[in-house]
């Protein structure tokens, strides 16, 4: 037995999650399925479902970005504030 998708159970449930999404299940429905397996403490199954869900969400986001007009992206004004504990202490001391 290997790790990650090399594990047969993880790989099987990864495929099941993707199959369900391809056949119309929503992300919320897959998250509910994940919760069911978590309550049953079936952790390998959970890992497969979680990986499938993350993979699908990532590629969904990639498709949104790809399909969005580049001009619209250039007009977006996104400001990201990154602070850490050290910067906050430095500004307090000054």
C-alpha atoms as a PDB file:
ATOM      1  CA  UNK A   1       0.000   0.000   0.000  1.00  0.00           C
ATOM      2  CA  UNK A   2       1.302   3.415  -0.919  1.00  0.00           C
ATOM      3  CA  UNK A   3       0.397   6.927   0.060  1.00  0.00           C
ATOM      4  CA  UNK A   4      -1.711   9.592  -1.548  1.00  0.00           C
ATOM      5  CA  UNK A   5      -3.444   8.617  -4.776  1.00  0.00           C
ATOM      6  CA  UNK A   6      -1.348   5.454  -4.846  1.00  0.00           C
ATOM      7  CA  UNK A   7      -3.605   4.138  -2.074  1.00  0.00           C
ATOM      8  CA  UNK A   8      -6.462   2.232  -3.717  1.00  0.00           C
ATOM      9  CA  UNK A   9      -9.153   3.480  -1.324  1.00  0.00           C
ATOM     10  CA  UNK A  10      -8.082   7.127  -1.607  1.00  0.00           C
ATOM     11  CA  UNK A  11      -7.896   6.831  -5.381  1.00  0.00           C
ATOM     12  CA  UNK A  12     -11.334   5.194  -5.568  1.00  0.00           C
ATOM     13  CA  UNK A  13     -13.044   7.921  -3.520  1.00  0.00           C
ATOM     14  CA  UNK A  14     -11.153  10.644  -5.395  1.00  0.00           C
ATOM     15  CA  UNK A  15     -12.724   9.231  -8.556  1.00  0.00           C
ATOM     16  CA  UNK A  16     -16.150   8.933  -6.946  1.00  0.00           C
ATOM     17  CA  UNK A  17     -16.078  12.599  -5.883  1.00  0.00           C
ATOM     18  CA  UNK A  18     -15.113  13.708  -9.389  1.00  0.00           C
ATOM     19  CA  UNK A  19     -17.715  11.410 -10.952  1.00  0.00           C
ATOM     20  CA  UNK A  20     -20.444  12.869  -8.745  1.00  0.00           C
ATOM     21  CA  UNK A  21     -19.377  16.432  -9.599  1.00  0.00           C
ATOM     22  CA  UNK A  22     -19.316  15.649 -13.318  1.00  0.00           C
ATOM     23  CA  UNK A  23     -22.836  14.264 -13.009  1.00  0.00           C
ATOM     24  CA  UNK A  24     -24.271  17.408 -11.443  1.00  0.00           C
ATOM     25  CA  UNK A  25     -23.516  17.194  -7.717  1.00  0.00           C
ATOM     26  CA  UNK A  26     -22.673  20.542  -6.147  1.00  0.00           C
ATOM     27  CA  UNK A  27     -19.607  21.274  -4.048  1.00  0.00           C
ATOM     28  CA  UNK A  28     -21.945  21.482  -1.037  1.00  0.00           C
ATOM     29  CA  UNK A  29     -23.303  18.000  -1.722  1.00  0.00           C
ATOM     30  CA  UNK A  30     -19.789  16.576  -1.900  1.00  0.00           C
ATOM     31  CA  UNK A  31     -18.903  18.397   1.343  1.00  0.00           C
ATOM     32  CA  UNK A  32     -21.972  16.777   2.948  1.00  0.00           C
ATOM     33  CA  UNK A  33     -20.769  13.401   1.687  1.00  0.00           C
ATOM     34  CA  UNK A  34     -17.356  14.162   3.205  1.00  0.00           C
ATOM     35  CA  UNK A  35     -18.992  15.007   6.548  1.00  0.00           C
ATOM     36  CA  UNK A  36     -20.838  11.681   6.480  1.00  0.00           C
ATOM     37  CA  UNK A  37     -17.579   9.759   6.030  1.00  0.00           C
ATOM     38  CA  UNK A  38     -15.870  11.867   8.707  1.00  0.00           C
ATOM     39  CA  UNK A  39     -18.598  10.982  11.218  1.00  0.00           C
ATOM     40  CA  UNK A  40     -18.088   7.320  10.305  1.00  0.00           C
ATOM     41  CA  UNK A  41     -14.331   7.815  10.848  1.00  0.00           C
ATOM     42  CA  UNK A  42     -13.474   6.457   7.399  1.00  0.00           C
ATOM     43  CA  UNK A  43     -10.365   8.539   6.972  1.00  0.00           C
ATOM     44  CA  UNK A  44      -8.957   7.091   3.738  1.00  0.00           C
ATOM     45  CA  UNK A  45     -12.318   7.600   2.066  1.00  0.00           C
ATOM     46  CA  UNK A  46     -12.382  11.146   3.467  1.00  0.00           C
ATOM     47  CA  UNK A  47      -8.942  11.857   2.050  1.00  0.00           C
ATOM     48  CA  UNK A  48     -10.021  10.744  -1.418  1.00  0.00           C
ATOM     49  CA  UNK A  49     -13.190  12.845  -1.318  1.00  0.00           C
ATOM     50  CA  UNK A  50     -11.285  15.842   0.037  1.00  0.00           C
ATOM     51  CA  UNK A  51      -8.630  15.577  -2.692  1.00  0.00           C
ATOM     52  CA  UNK A  52     -11.324  15.283  -5.364  1.00  0.00           C
ATOM     53  CA  UNK A  53     -13.136  18.303  -3.982  1.00  0.00           C
ATOM     54  CA  UNK A  54      -9.949  20.404  -3.793  1.00  0.00           C
ATOM     55  CA  UNK A  55      -8.916  19.333  -7.301  1.00  0.00           C
ATOM     56  CA  UNK A  56     -12.342  20.204  -8.727  1.00  0.00           C
ATOM     57  CA  UNK A  57     -12.481  23.583  -6.957  1.00  0.00           C
ATOM     58  CA  UNK A  58      -9.002  24.459  -8.218  1.00  0.00           C
ATOM     59  CA  UNK A  59      -9.851  23.647 -11.828  1.00  0.00           C
ATOM     60  CA  UNK A  60     -13.205  25.407 -11.510  1.00  0.00           C
ATOM     61  CA  UNK A  61     -11.354  28.549 -10.423  1.00  0.00           C
ATOM     62  CA  UNK A  62      -8.835  28.149 -13.263  1.00  0.00           C
ATOM     63  CA  UNK A  63     -11.704  27.954 -15.755  1.00  0.00           C
ATOM     64  CA  UNK A  64     -13.351  31.056 -14.312  1.00  0.00           C
ATOM     65  CA  UNK A  65     -10.129  33.019 -14.655  1.00  0.00           C
ATOM     66  CA  UNK A  66      -9.525  31.685 -18.147  1.00  0.00           C
ATOM     67  CA  UNK A  67     -13.035  32.550 -19.301  1.00  0.00           C
ATOM     68  CA  UNK A  68     -13.047  35.989 -17.729  1.00  0.00           C
ATOM     69  CA  UNK A  69     -12.287  38.808 -20.086  1.00  0.00           C
ATOM     70  CA  UNK A  70      -8.719  40.029 -19.577  1.00  0.00           C
ATOM     71  CA  UNK A  71      -9.936  43.614 -19.676  1.00  0.00           C
ATOM     72  CA  UNK A  72     -12.231  42.949 -16.713  1.00  0.00           C
ATOM     73  CA  UNK A  73      -9.320  41.470 -14.798  1.00  0.00           C
ATOM     74  CA  UNK A  74      -7.236  44.577 -15.461  1.00  0.00           C
ATOM     75  CA  UNK A  75     -10.020  46.766 -14.091  1.00  0.00           C
ATOM     76  CA  UNK A  76     -10.196  44.889 -10.804  1.00  0.00           C
ATOM     77  CA  UNK A  77      -8.571  46.738  -7.974  1.00  0.00           C
ATOM     78  CA  UNK A  78      -7.503  44.268  -5.337  1.00  0.00           C
ATOM     79  CA  UNK A  79      -5.510  45.437  -2.360  1.00  0.00           C
ATOM     80  CA  UNK A  80      -3.773  42.840  -0.257  1.00  0.00           C
ATOM     81  CA  UNK A  81      -2.538  43.837   3.174  1.00  0.00           C
ATOM     82  CA  UNK A  82       0.090  41.511   4.494  1.00  0.00           C
ATOM     83  CA  UNK A  83       1.142  42.011   8.057  1.00  0.00           C
ATOM     84  CA  UNK A  84       2.945  39.843  10.456  1.00  0.00           C
ATOM     85  CA  UNK A  85       3.564  40.013  14.149  1.00  0.00           C
ATOM     86  CA  UNK A  86       7.005  41.601  13.729  1.00  0.00           C
ATOM     87  CA  UNK A  87       5.711  44.435  11.504  1.00  0.00           C
ATOM     88  CA  UNK A  88       2.932  45.172  13.964  1.00  0.00           C
ATOM     89  CA  UNK A  89       5.389  45.313  16.890  1.00  0.00           C
ATOM     90  CA  UNK A  90       7.743  47.576  14.921  1.00  0.00           C
ATOM     91  CA  UNK A  91       4.949  50.030  14.169  1.00  0.00           C
ATOM     92  CA  UNK A  92       3.869  50.052  17.820  1.00  0.00           C
ATOM     93  CA  UNK A  93       7.426  50.799  18.985  1.00  0.00           C
ATOM     94  CA  UNK A  94       7.878  53.717  16.560  1.00  0.00           C
END
